[in-house]
């Protein structure tokens, strides 16, 4: 997957799973997911599982932090970087 596809997959998953499928909501690439309470520990674990299934990479536990999971942009950057490293 390229960066755009990764971003779209993450955004779609967050909208569907955590925002009740609201396609007209305010979710943008820099929406503060942690501040909104969207990515609590359970939701973050579910998102990591989605990433593992769709992109085929495992996010190292030490990379799961408030810097890498604050918004869609930071998550996309992390996943893209991990995907390139795994290739």
Protein backbone atom coordinates (compact mmCIF):
# COMPACT_ATOMS: atom_id res chain seq x y z
CA UNK A 1 0.00 0.00 0.00
CA UNK A 2 1.18 3.51 -0.69
CA UNK A 3 0.86 6.42 1.76
CA UNK A 4 -2.43 7.65 0.31
CA UNK A 5 -4.00 4.19 0.51
CA UNK A 6 -2.77 3.78 4.09
CA UNK A 7 -4.26 7.17 5.06
CA UNK A 8 -7.59 6.30 3.41
CA UNK A 9 -7.70 2.91 5.13
CA UNK A 10 -6.97 4.40 8.56
CA UNK A 11 -9.46 7.23 8.08
CA UNK A 12 -12.21 4.88 6.88
CA UNK A 13 -11.60 2.49 9.78
CA UNK A 14 -11.72 5.28 12.39
CA UNK A 15 -14.90 6.71 10.87
CA UNK A 16 -16.62 3.33 10.67
CA UNK A 17 -15.47 1.79 13.92
CA UNK A 18 -15.15 4.72 16.32
CA UNK A 19 -17.28 7.51 14.85
CA UNK A 20 -20.37 5.44 13.98
CA UNK A 21 -19.74 5.61 10.25
CA UNK A 22 -20.21 9.39 10.18
CA UNK A 23 -18.82 10.33 6.75
CA UNK A 24 -19.79 13.97 7.19
CA UNK A 25 -18.05 14.36 10.54
CA UNK A 26 -15.15 16.62 11.31
CA UNK A 27 -12.45 13.95 11.03
CA UNK A 28 -9.49 15.42 9.19
CA UNK A 29 -5.89 14.35 8.86
CA UNK A 30 -4.91 16.48 11.88
CA UNK A 31 -8.01 16.00 14.05
CA UNK A 32 -6.82 15.47 17.64
CA UNK A 33 -7.88 11.85 18.18
CA UNK A 34 -6.33 11.62 21.63
CA UNK A 35 -7.92 14.85 22.80
CA UNK A 36 -11.28 13.72 21.43
CA UNK A 37 -10.95 10.47 23.37
CA UNK A 38 -11.28 8.42 20.17
CA UNK A 39 -8.09 6.44 20.71
CA UNK A 40 -8.36 5.02 24.18
CA UNK A 41 -6.28 1.92 24.85
CA UNK A 42 -8.88 -0.54 23.50
CA UNK A 43 -9.53 1.47 20.34
CA UNK A 44 -5.81 1.86 19.73
CA UNK A 45 -5.38 -1.91 20.03
CA UNK A 46 -8.21 -2.43 17.52
CA UNK A 47 -6.64 0.08 15.13
CA UNK A 48 -3.27 -1.67 15.41
CA UNK A 49 -5.01 -4.95 14.56
CA UNK A 50 -6.60 -3.31 11.53
CA UNK A 51 -3.21 -2.02 10.39
CA UNK A 52 -1.66 -5.47 10.82
CA UNK A 53 -4.48 -7.04 8.77
CA UNK A 54 -4.72 -4.47 5.97
CA UNK A 55 -1.11 -3.30 5.60
CA UNK A 56 0.57 -6.47 6.81
CA UNK A 57 2.91 -4.91 9.35
CA UNK A 58 3.20 -5.08 13.09
CA UNK A 59 3.61 -1.81 14.99
CA UNK A 60 6.30 -2.24 17.69
CA UNK A 61 4.92 -1.56 21.18
CA UNK A 62 7.52 1.14 21.79
CA UNK A 63 6.09 3.06 18.79
CA UNK A 64 2.59 3.18 20.30
CA UNK A 65 2.72 6.56 21.99
CA UNK A 66 0.96 9.92 22.02
CA UNK A 67 3.31 11.31 19.39
CA UNK A 68 2.69 8.57 16.82
CA UNK A 69 -1.04 8.13 17.51
CA UNK A 70 -2.23 11.72 18.01
CA UNK A 71 -3.97 12.06 14.62
CA UNK A 72 -4.43 10.35 11.24
CA UNK A 73 -1.36 12.11 9.82
CA UNK A 74 0.98 10.84 12.55
CA UNK A 75 -0.44 7.30 12.33
CA UNK A 76 -0.06 7.32 8.54
CA UNK A 77 3.53 8.52 8.82
CA UNK A 78 4.36 5.76 11.31
CA UNK A 79 2.68 3.02 9.25
CA UNK A 80 4.28 4.22 6.01
CA UNK A 81 7.70 4.28 7.67
CA UNK A 82 7.24 0.81 9.18
CA UNK A 83 5.98 -0.55 5.87
CA UNK A 84 9.02 0.81 4.00
CA UNK A 85 11.36 -0.66 6.62
CA UNK A 86 9.70 -4.07 6.30
CA UNK A 87 10.03 -4.10 2.49
